[in-house]
């Protein structure tokens, strides 16, 4: 029943017969997924892993180091260059 709750749509659902496939269920649980158990398209339970893996932290590049590598110690004032370039045109 996909019209029950739209935010549950991303949760993996399994039925009673699929409980026999313990390898697949174990793999999903190890991956941190919560499973919704259904019988005749009606939710019975949610199976959640005990130890959910920590969310991966996004690693951002060191932009300051990149800037130093490309431009060295030069200070670029883009606004002044823009004004100087446009001066007298408008």
Protein backbone atom coordinates (compact mmCIF):
# COMPACT_ATOMS: atom_id res chain seq x y z
CA UNK A 1 0.00 0.00 0.00
CA UNK A 2 2.08 2.86 -1.27
CA UNK A 3 -0.56 5.47 -0.37
CA UNK A 4 -0.30 4.91 3.40
CA UNK A 5 2.72 7.06 4.15
CA UNK A 6 4.88 8.59 1.45
CA UNK A 7 8.02 8.78 3.58
CA UNK A 8 7.96 5.04 4.23
CA UNK A 9 8.38 4.41 0.51
CA UNK A 10 12.14 4.23 0.84
CA UNK A 11 11.97 1.58 3.59
CA UNK A 12 12.44 -1.95 2.28
CA UNK A 13 9.39 -4.14 2.82
CA UNK A 14 9.41 -7.89 3.06
CA UNK A 15 6.63 -10.43 3.47
CA UNK A 16 6.40 -13.46 5.74
CA UNK A 17 7.67 -15.82 3.04
CA UNK A 18 10.78 -13.70 2.48
CA UNK A 19 11.77 -14.23 6.11
CA UNK A 20 13.18 -17.59 4.99
CA UNK A 21 15.93 -15.81 3.04
CA UNK A 22 18.03 -15.10 6.10
CA UNK A 23 21.20 -14.31 4.13
CA UNK A 24 19.55 -11.43 2.28
CA UNK A 25 17.89 -10.12 5.44
CA UNK A 26 21.19 -10.27 7.30
CA UNK A 27 22.92 -8.37 4.47
CA UNK A 28 20.29 -5.61 4.57
CA UNK A 29 20.54 -5.33 8.34
CA UNK A 30 24.35 -5.21 8.23
CA UNK A 31 24.02 -2.37 5.72
CA UNK A 32 21.95 -0.48 8.30
CA UNK A 33 18.58 -0.83 6.62
CA UNK A 34 15.35 -1.04 8.57
CA UNK A 35 12.95 -3.63 7.19
CA UNK A 36 9.16 -3.48 7.33
CA UNK A 37 7.53 -6.89 7.71
CA UNK A 38 4.11 -7.19 6.06
CA UNK A 39 1.43 -9.84 5.82
CA UNK A 40 -1.13 -9.42 3.06
CA UNK A 41 0.08 -5.87 2.44
CA UNK A 42 -0.49 -4.86 6.06
CA UNK A 43 2.45 -3.83 8.23
CA UNK A 44 3.21 -6.17 11.12
CA UNK A 45 6.58 -5.04 12.41
CA UNK A 46 9.77 -3.22 11.70
CA UNK A 47 13.09 -5.00 11.98
CA UNK A 48 15.90 -2.60 12.79
CA UNK A 49 19.60 -3.34 13.11
CA UNK A 50 21.02 -3.01 16.62
CA UNK A 51 24.20 -1.28 15.52
CA UNK A 52 23.47 1.11 12.69
CA UNK A 53 26.60 2.16 10.83
CA UNK A 54 27.59 5.76 11.40
CA UNK A 55 26.71 8.05 8.51
CA UNK A 56 29.66 8.72 6.27
CA UNK A 57 31.12 12.14 6.86
CA UNK A 58 31.46 14.19 3.71
CA UNK A 59 35.08 15.13 3.10
CA UNK A 60 35.51 18.52 1.48
CA UNK A 61 38.68 19.49 -0.39
CA UNK A 62 41.00 21.98 1.27
CA UNK A 63 40.13 25.00 -0.87
CA UNK A 64 42.55 27.32 0.94
CA UNK A 65 45.45 24.93 0.21
CA UNK A 66 44.39 24.73 -3.42
CA UNK A 67 44.29 28.52 -3.67
CA UNK A 68 47.78 28.82 -2.14
CA UNK A 69 49.07 26.17 -4.53
CA UNK A 70 47.69 27.96 -7.59
CA UNK A 71 48.16 31.62 -6.66
CA UNK A 72 50.84 31.51 -3.96
CA UNK A 73 50.71 34.48 -1.58
CA UNK A 74 49.14 36.84 -4.12
CA UNK A 75 45.95 38.50 -2.98
CA UNK A 76 43.49 38.79 -5.81
CA UNK A 77 40.91 41.51 -5.43
CA UNK A 78 38.45 40.61 -8.14
CA UNK A 79 36.09 43.49 -7.41
CA UNK A 80 38.79 46.13 -7.90
CA UNK A 81 39.86 44.49 -11.15
CA UNK A 82 36.25 44.39 -12.34
CA UNK A 83 35.67 48.08 -11.54
CA UNK A 84 38.94 49.06 -13.19
CA UNK A 85 37.98 47.06 -16.29
CA UNK A 86 34.48 48.57 -16.51
CA UNK A 87 35.43 52.14 -15.57
CA UNK A 88 34.25 54.60 -18.18
CA UNK A 89 32.21 52.12 -20.19
CA UNK A 90 28.86 52.71 -18.53
